[in-house]
Amino acid sequence: SVGNFVSVEFPTGAKSAAAANAHLNSRAIIPRTLDAYGMPNHLRISIGTEGEMRAVIAALSDFLR
């Protein structure tokens, strides 16, 4: 199949999907939670421009440190 997003799985605890969502939102990056699909530990992140994806990578790297 073809899609313009990735689904990222996070562990439970301090580095959860909810915590990652809050961190990304604080950097004006708006992922979609997947709770409604029975995937509470996942975020859906749309693929954007190279610059946008670099910002996502930097924000997630900072979050996971």
PDB file of N, CA and C in Angstrom:
ATOM      1  N   SER A   1       0.838  -1.184   0.000  1.00  0.00           N
ATOM      2  CA  SER A   1       0.000   0.000   0.000  1.00  0.00           C
ATOM      3  C   SER A   1       0.878   1.242   0.000  1.00  0.00           C
ATOM      4  N   VAL A   2       0.273   2.364  -0.259  1.00  0.00           N
ATOM      5  CA  VAL A   2       0.984   3.634  -0.329  1.00  0.00           C
ATOM      6  C   VAL A   2       0.337   4.598   0.657  1.00  0.00           C
ATOM      7  N   GLY A   3       1.157   5.317   1.384  1.00  0.00           N
ATOM      8  CA  GLY A   3       0.648   6.317   2.324  1.00  0.00           C
ATOM      9  C   GLY A   3       1.627   7.459   2.447  1.00  0.00           C
ATOM     10  N   ASN A   4       1.149   8.559   2.979  1.00  0.00           N
ATOM     11  CA  ASN A   4       2.028   9.709   3.175  1.00  0.00           C
ATOM     12  C   ASN A   4       2.284   9.954   4.660  1.00  0.00           C
ATOM     13  N   PHE A   5       2.329   8.878   5.436  1.00  0.00           N
ATOM     14  CA  PHE A   5       2.592   8.999   6.858  1.00  0.00           C
ATOM     15  C   PHE A   5       3.315   7.760   7.362  1.00  0.00           C
ATOM     16  N   VAL A   6       3.884   7.903   8.569  1.00  0.00           N
ATOM     17  CA  VAL A   6       4.473   6.762   9.252  1.00  0.00           C
ATOM     18  C   VAL A   6       3.798   6.631  10.602  1.00  0.00           C
ATOM     19  N   SER A   7       3.714   5.419  11.076  1.00  0.00           N
ATOM     20  CA  SER A   7       3.197   5.137  12.409  1.00  0.00           C
ATOM     21  C   SER A   7       4.396   4.809  13.283  1.00  0.00           C
ATOM     22  N   VAL A   8       4.546   5.568  14.363  1.00  0.00           N
ATOM     23  CA  VAL A   8       5.691   5.398  15.254  1.00  0.00           C
ATOM     24  C   VAL A   8       5.189   4.843  16.583  1.00  0.00           C
ATOM     25  N   GLU A   9       5.787   3.729  17.003  1.00  0.00           N
ATOM     26  CA  GLU A   9       5.400   3.118  18.286  1.00  0.00           C
ATOM     27  C   GLU A   9       6.335   3.602  19.384  1.00  0.00           C
ATOM     28  N   PHE A  10       5.750   3.982  20.517  1.00  0.00           N
ATOM     29  CA  PHE A  10       6.493   4.434  21.686  1.00  0.00           C
ATOM     30  C   PHE A  10       6.244   3.469  22.837  1.00  0.00           C
ATOM     31  N   PRO A  11       7.206   3.372  23.773  1.00  0.00           N
ATOM     32  CA  PRO A  11       6.993   2.521  24.948  1.00  0.00           C
ATOM     33  C   PRO A  11       6.015   3.189  25.906  1.00  0.00           C
ATOM     34  N   THR A  12       5.546   2.444  26.877  1.00  0.00           N
ATOM     35  CA  THR A  12       4.747   3.050  27.939  1.00  0.00           C
ATOM     36  C   THR A  12       5.708   3.680  28.941  1.00  0.00           C
ATOM     37  N   GLY A  13       5.215   4.535  29.787  1.00  0.00           N
ATOM     38  CA  GLY A  13       6.071   5.187  30.772  1.00  0.00           C
ATOM     39  C   GLY A  13       6.405   6.608  30.372  1.00  0.00           C
ATOM     40  N   ALA A  14       7.561   7.075  30.805  1.00  0.00           N
ATOM     41  CA  ALA A  14       7.951   8.479  30.613  1.00  0.00           C
ATOM     42  C   ALA A  14       8.089   8.866  29.149  1.00  0.00           C
ATOM     43  N   LYS A  15       8.434   7.946  28.300  1.00  0.00           N
ATOM     44  CA  LYS A  15       8.627   8.230  26.871  1.00  0.00           C
ATOM     45  C   LYS A  15       7.450   7.721  26.037  1.00  0.00           C
ATOM     46  N   SER A  16       6.247   7.867  26.573  1.00  0.00           N
ATOM     47  CA  SER A  16       5.037   7.347  25.936  1.00  0.00           C
ATOM     48  C   SER A  16       4.628   8.175  24.720  1.00  0.00           C
ATOM     49  N   ALA A  17       3.670   7.645  23.987  1.00  0.00           N
ATOM     50  CA  ALA A  17       3.128   8.366  22.834  1.00  0.00           C
ATOM     51  C   ALA A  17       2.487   9.673  23.277  1.00  0.00           C
ATOM     52  N   ALA A  18       1.804   9.661  24.416  1.00  0.00           N
ATOM     53  CA  ALA A  18       1.174  10.891  24.916  1.00  0.00           C
ATOM     54  C   ALA A  18       2.234  11.945  25.240  1.00  0.00           C
ATOM     55  N   ALA A  19       3.336  11.534  25.869  1.00  0.00           N
ATOM     56  CA  ALA A  19       4.416  12.473  26.189  1.00  0.00           C
ATOM     57  C   ALA A  19       5.083  12.972  24.910  1.00  0.00           C
ATOM     58  N   ALA A  20       5.289  12.089  23.947  1.00  0.00           N
ATOM     59  CA  ALA A  20       5.874  12.496  22.660  1.00  0.00           C
ATOM     60  C   ALA A  20       4.952  13.469  21.940  1.00  0.00           C
ATOM     61  N   ASN A  21       3.662  13.213  21.980  1.00  0.00           N
ATOM     62  CA  ASN A  21       2.682  14.094  21.354  1.00  0.00           C
ATOM     63  C   ASN A  21       2.764  15.487  21.973  1.00  0.00           C
ATOM     64  N   ALA A  22       2.821  15.561  23.293  1.00  0.00           N
ATOM     65  CA  ALA A  22       2.919  16.858  23.973  1.00  0.00           C
ATOM     66  C   ALA A  22       4.212  17.575  23.583  1.00  0.00           C
ATOM     67  N   HIS A  23       5.306  16.829  23.530  1.00  0.00           N
ATOM     68  CA  HIS A  23       6.598  17.422  23.165  1.00  0.00           C
ATOM     69  C   HIS A  23       6.569  17.955  21.733  1.00  0.00           C
ATOM     70  N   LEU A  24       6.047  17.160  20.820  1.00  0.00           N
ATOM     71  CA  LEU A  24       5.981  17.595  19.421  1.00  0.00           C
ATOM     72  C   LEU A  24       5.053  18.802  19.273  1.00  0.00           C
ATOM     73  N   ASN A  25       3.917  18.777  19.969  1.00  0.00           N
ATOM     74  CA  ASN A  25       3.000  19.914  19.916  1.00  0.00           C
ATOM     75  C   ASN A  25       3.670  21.189  20.405  1.00  0.00           C
ATOM     76  N   SER A  26       4.533  21.078  21.416  1.00  0.00           N
ATOM     77  CA  SER A  26       5.226  22.254  21.938  1.00  0.00           C
ATOM     78  C   SER A  26       6.187  22.843  20.912  1.00  0.00           C
ATOM     79  N   ARG A  27       6.524  22.073  19.897  1.00  0.00           N
ATOM     80  CA  ARG A  27       7.403  22.527  18.813  1.00  0.00           C
ATOM     81  C   ARG A  27       6.625  22.779  17.514  1.00  0.00           C
ATOM     82  N   ALA A  28       5.315  22.930  17.649  1.00  0.00           N
ATOM     83  CA  ALA A  28       4.424  23.213  16.512  1.00  0.00           C
ATOM     84  C   ALA A  28       4.413  22.092  15.481  1.00  0.00           C
ATOM     85  N   ILE A  29       4.640  20.867  15.952  1.00  0.00           N
ATOM     86  CA  ILE A  29       4.529  19.676  15.112  1.00  0.00           C
ATOM     87  C   ILE A  29       3.303  18.926  15.618  1.00  0.00           C
ATOM     88  N   ILE A  30       2.340  18.704  14.746  1.00  0.00           N
ATOM     89  CA  ILE A  30       1.058  18.147  15.166  1.00  0.00           C
ATOM     90  C   ILE A  30       0.866  16.742  14.587  1.00  0.00           C
ATOM     91  N   PRO A  31       1.275  15.700  15.343  1.00  0.00           N
ATOM     92  CA  PRO A  31       0.995  14.337  14.895  1.00  0.00           C
ATOM     93  C   PRO A  31      -0.443  13.972  15.240  1.00  0.00           C
ATOM     94  N   ARG A  32      -0.863  12.804  14.840  1.00  0.00           N
ATOM     95  CA  ARG A  32      -2.208  12.318  15.164  1.00  0.00           C
ATOM     96  C   ARG A  32      -2.070  11.116  16.088  1.00  0.00           C
ATOM     97  N   THR A  33      -2.833  11.125  17.168  1.00  0.00           N
ATOM     98  CA  THR A  33      -2.844   9.960  18.048  1.00  0.00           C
ATOM     99  C   THR A  33      -3.655   8.852  17.379  1.00  0.00           C
ATOM    100  N   LEU A  34      -3.352   7.619  17.719  1.00  0.00           N
ATOM    101  CA  LEU A  34      -4.045   6.483  17.100  1.00  0.00           C
ATOM    102  C   LEU A  34      -4.843   5.672  18.118  1.00  0.00           C
ATOM    103  N   ASP A  35      -5.208   6.306  19.225  1.00  0.00           N
ATOM    104  CA  ASP A  35      -6.008   5.645  20.256  1.00  0.00           C
ATOM    105  C   ASP A  35      -7.302   5.061  19.677  1.00  0.00           C
ATOM    106  N   ALA A  36      -7.961   5.825  18.818  1.00  0.00           N
ATOM    107  CA  ALA A  36      -9.248   5.402  18.253  1.00  0.00           C
ATOM    108  C   ALA A  36      -9.122   4.143  17.401  1.00  0.00           C
ATOM    109  N   TYR A  37      -7.902   3.815  16.989  1.00  0.00           N
ATOM    110  CA  TYR A  37      -7.662   2.624  16.179  1.00  0.00           C
ATOM    111  C   TYR A  37      -7.104   1.478  17.014  1.00  0.00           C
ATOM    112  N   GLY A  38      -7.173   1.634  18.352  1.00  0.00           N
ATOM    113  CA  GLY A  38      -6.667   0.595  19.237  1.00  0.00           C
ATOM    114  C   GLY A  38      -5.153   0.560  19.319  1.00  0.00           C
ATOM    115  N   MET A  39      -4.514   1.674  19.007  1.00  0.00           N
ATOM    116  CA  MET A  39      -3.050   1.754  19.021  1.00  0.00           C
ATOM    117  C   MET A  39      -2.610   2.921  19.912  1.00  0.00           C
ATOM    118  N   PRO A  40      -2.830   2.817  21.225  1.00  0.00           N
ATOM    119  CA  PRO A  40      -2.557   3.947  22.120  1.00  0.00           C
ATOM    120  C   PRO A  40      -1.079   4.289  22.269  1.00  0.00           C
ATOM    121  N   ASN A  41      -0.192   3.399  21.867  1.00  0.00           N
ATOM    122  CA  ASN A  41       1.247   3.649  21.987  1.00  0.00           C
ATOM    123  C   ASN A  41       1.863   4.150  20.687  1.00  0.00           C
ATOM    124  N   HIS A  42       1.024   4.595  19.744  1.00  0.00           N
ATOM    125  CA  HIS A  42       1.497   5.020  18.427  1.00  0.00           C
ATOM    126  C   HIS A  42       1.086   6.460  18.129  1.00  0.00           C
ATOM    127  N   LEU A  43       1.904   7.114  17.324  1.00  0.00           N
ATOM    128  CA  LEU A  43       1.561   8.407  16.734  1.00  0.00           C
ATOM    129  C   LEU A  43       1.692   8.280  15.225  1.00  0.00           C
ATOM    130  N   ARG A  44       0.809   8.940  14.522  1.00  0.00           N
ATOM    131  CA  ARG A  44       0.876   9.001  13.060  1.00  0.00           C
ATOM    132  C   ARG A  44       1.497  10.336  12.690  1.00  0.00           C
ATOM    133  N   ILE A  45       2.577  10.278  11.934  1.00  0.00           N
ATOM    134  CA  ILE A  45       3.281  11.492  11.528  1.00  0.00           C
ATOM    135  C   ILE A  45       3.263  11.563  10.009  1.00  0.00           C
ATOM    136  N   SER A  46       2.665  12.620   9.493  1.00  0.00           N
ATOM    137  CA  SER A  46       2.586  12.796   8.042  1.00  0.00           C
ATOM    138  C   SER A  46       3.950  13.163   7.480  1.00  0.00           C
ATOM    139  N   ILE A  47       4.206  12.684   6.280  1.00  0.00           N
ATOM    140  CA  ILE A  47       5.443  13.003   5.581  1.00  0.00           C
ATOM    141  C   ILE A  47       5.285  14.372   4.928  1.00  0.00           C
ATOM    142  N   GLY A  48       6.261  15.231   5.159  1.00  0.00           N
ATOM    143  CA  GLY A  48       6.219  16.579   4.592  1.00  0.00           C
ATOM    144  C   GLY A  48       7.458  16.854   3.777  1.00  0.00           C
ATOM    145  N   THR A  49       7.829  18.104   3.763  1.00  0.00           N
ATOM    146  CA  THR A  49       9.025  18.514   3.031  1.00  0.00           C
ATOM    147  C   THR A  49      10.264  18.023   3.787  1.00  0.00           C
ATOM    148  N   GLU A  50      11.404  18.101   3.130  1.00  0.00           N
ATOM    149  CA  GLU A  50      12.636  17.682   3.785  1.00  0.00           C
ATOM    150  C   GLU A  50      12.884  18.494   5.060  1.00  0.00           C
ATOM    151  N   GLY A  51      12.647  19.778   5.001  1.00  0.00           N
ATOM    152  CA  GLY A  51      12.837  20.637   6.168  1.00  0.00           C
ATOM    153  C   GLY A  51      11.910  20.258   7.312  1.00  0.00           C
ATOM    154  N   GLU A  52      10.658  19.958   6.983  1.00  0.00           N
ATOM    155  CA  GLU A  52       9.689  19.550   8.003  1.00  0.00           C
ATOM    156  C   GLU A  52      10.101  18.223   8.635  1.00  0.00           C
ATOM    157  N   MET A  53      10.573  17.308   7.828  1.00  0.00           N
ATOM    158  CA  MET A  53      10.977  16.006   8.363  1.00  0.00           C
ATOM    159  C   MET A  53      12.234  16.134   9.218  1.00  0.00           C
ATOM    160  N   ARG A  54      13.127  17.018   8.847  1.00  0.00           N
ATOM    161  CA  ARG A  54      14.315  17.257   9.683  1.00  0.00           C
ATOM    162  C   ARG A  54      13.900  17.820  11.044  1.00  0.00           C
ATOM    163  N   ALA A  55      12.881  18.684  11.051  1.00  0.00           N
ATOM    164  CA  ALA A  55      12.369  19.237  12.313  1.00  0.00           C
ATOM    165  C   ALA A  55      11.758  18.136  13.178  1.00  0.00           C
ATOM    166  N   VAL A  56      11.043  17.203  12.567  1.00  0.00           N
ATOM    167  CA  VAL A  56      10.467  16.075  13.302  1.00  0.00           C
ATOM    168  C   VAL A  56      11.582  15.215  13.893  1.00  0.00           C
ATOM    169  N   ILE A  57      12.580  14.909  13.095  1.00  0.00           N
ATOM    170  CA  ILE A  57      13.699  14.086  13.573  1.00  0.00           C
ATOM    171  C   ILE A  57      14.414  14.775  14.727  1.00  0.00           C
ATOM    172  N   ALA A  58      14.661  16.074  14.608  1.00  0.00           N
ATOM    173  CA  ALA A  58      15.336  16.800  15.682  1.00  0.00           C
ATOM    174  C   ALA A  58      14.491  16.809  16.952  1.00  0.00           C
ATOM    175  N   ALA A  59      13.191  17.018  16.815  1.00  0.00           N
ATOM    176  CA  ALA A  59      12.308  17.056  17.979  1.00  0.00           C
ATOM    177  C   ALA A  59      12.220  15.683  18.643  1.00  0.00           C
ATOM    178  N   LEU A  60      12.120  14.615  17.847  1.00  0.00           N
ATOM    179  CA  LEU A  60      12.064  13.276  18.434  1.00  0.00           C
ATOM    180  C   LEU A  60      13.393  12.881  19.065  1.00  0.00           C
ATOM    181  N   SER A  61      14.493  13.277  18.449  1.00  0.00           N
ATOM    182  CA  SER A  61      15.811  12.992  19.033  1.00  0.00           C
ATOM    183  C   SER A  61      15.950  13.666  20.388  1.00  0.00           C
ATOM    184  N   ASP A  62      15.505  14.932  20.465  1.00  0.00           N
ATOM    185  CA  ASP A  62      15.539  15.655  21.728  1.00  0.00           C
ATOM    186  C   ASP A  62      14.642  14.979  22.762  1.00  0.00           C
ATOM    187  N   PHE A  63      13.463  14.564  22.350  1.00  0.00           N
ATOM    188  CA  PHE A  63      12.509  13.901  23.258  1.00  0.00           C
ATOM    189  C   PHE A  63      13.084  12.598  23.801  1.00  0.00           C
ATOM    190  N   LEU A  64      13.736  11.823  22.974  1.00  0.00           N
ATOM    191  CA  LEU A  64      14.216  10.500  23.374  1.00  0.00           C
ATOM    192  C   LEU A  64      15.527  10.534  24.158  1.00  0.00           C
ATOM    193  N   ARG A  65      16.186  11.674  24.239  1.00  0.00           N
ATOM    194  CA  ARG A  65      17.428  11.776  25.038  1.00  0.00           C
ATOM    195  C   ARG A  65      17.172  11.652  26.490  1.00  0.00           C
TER     196      ARG A  65
END
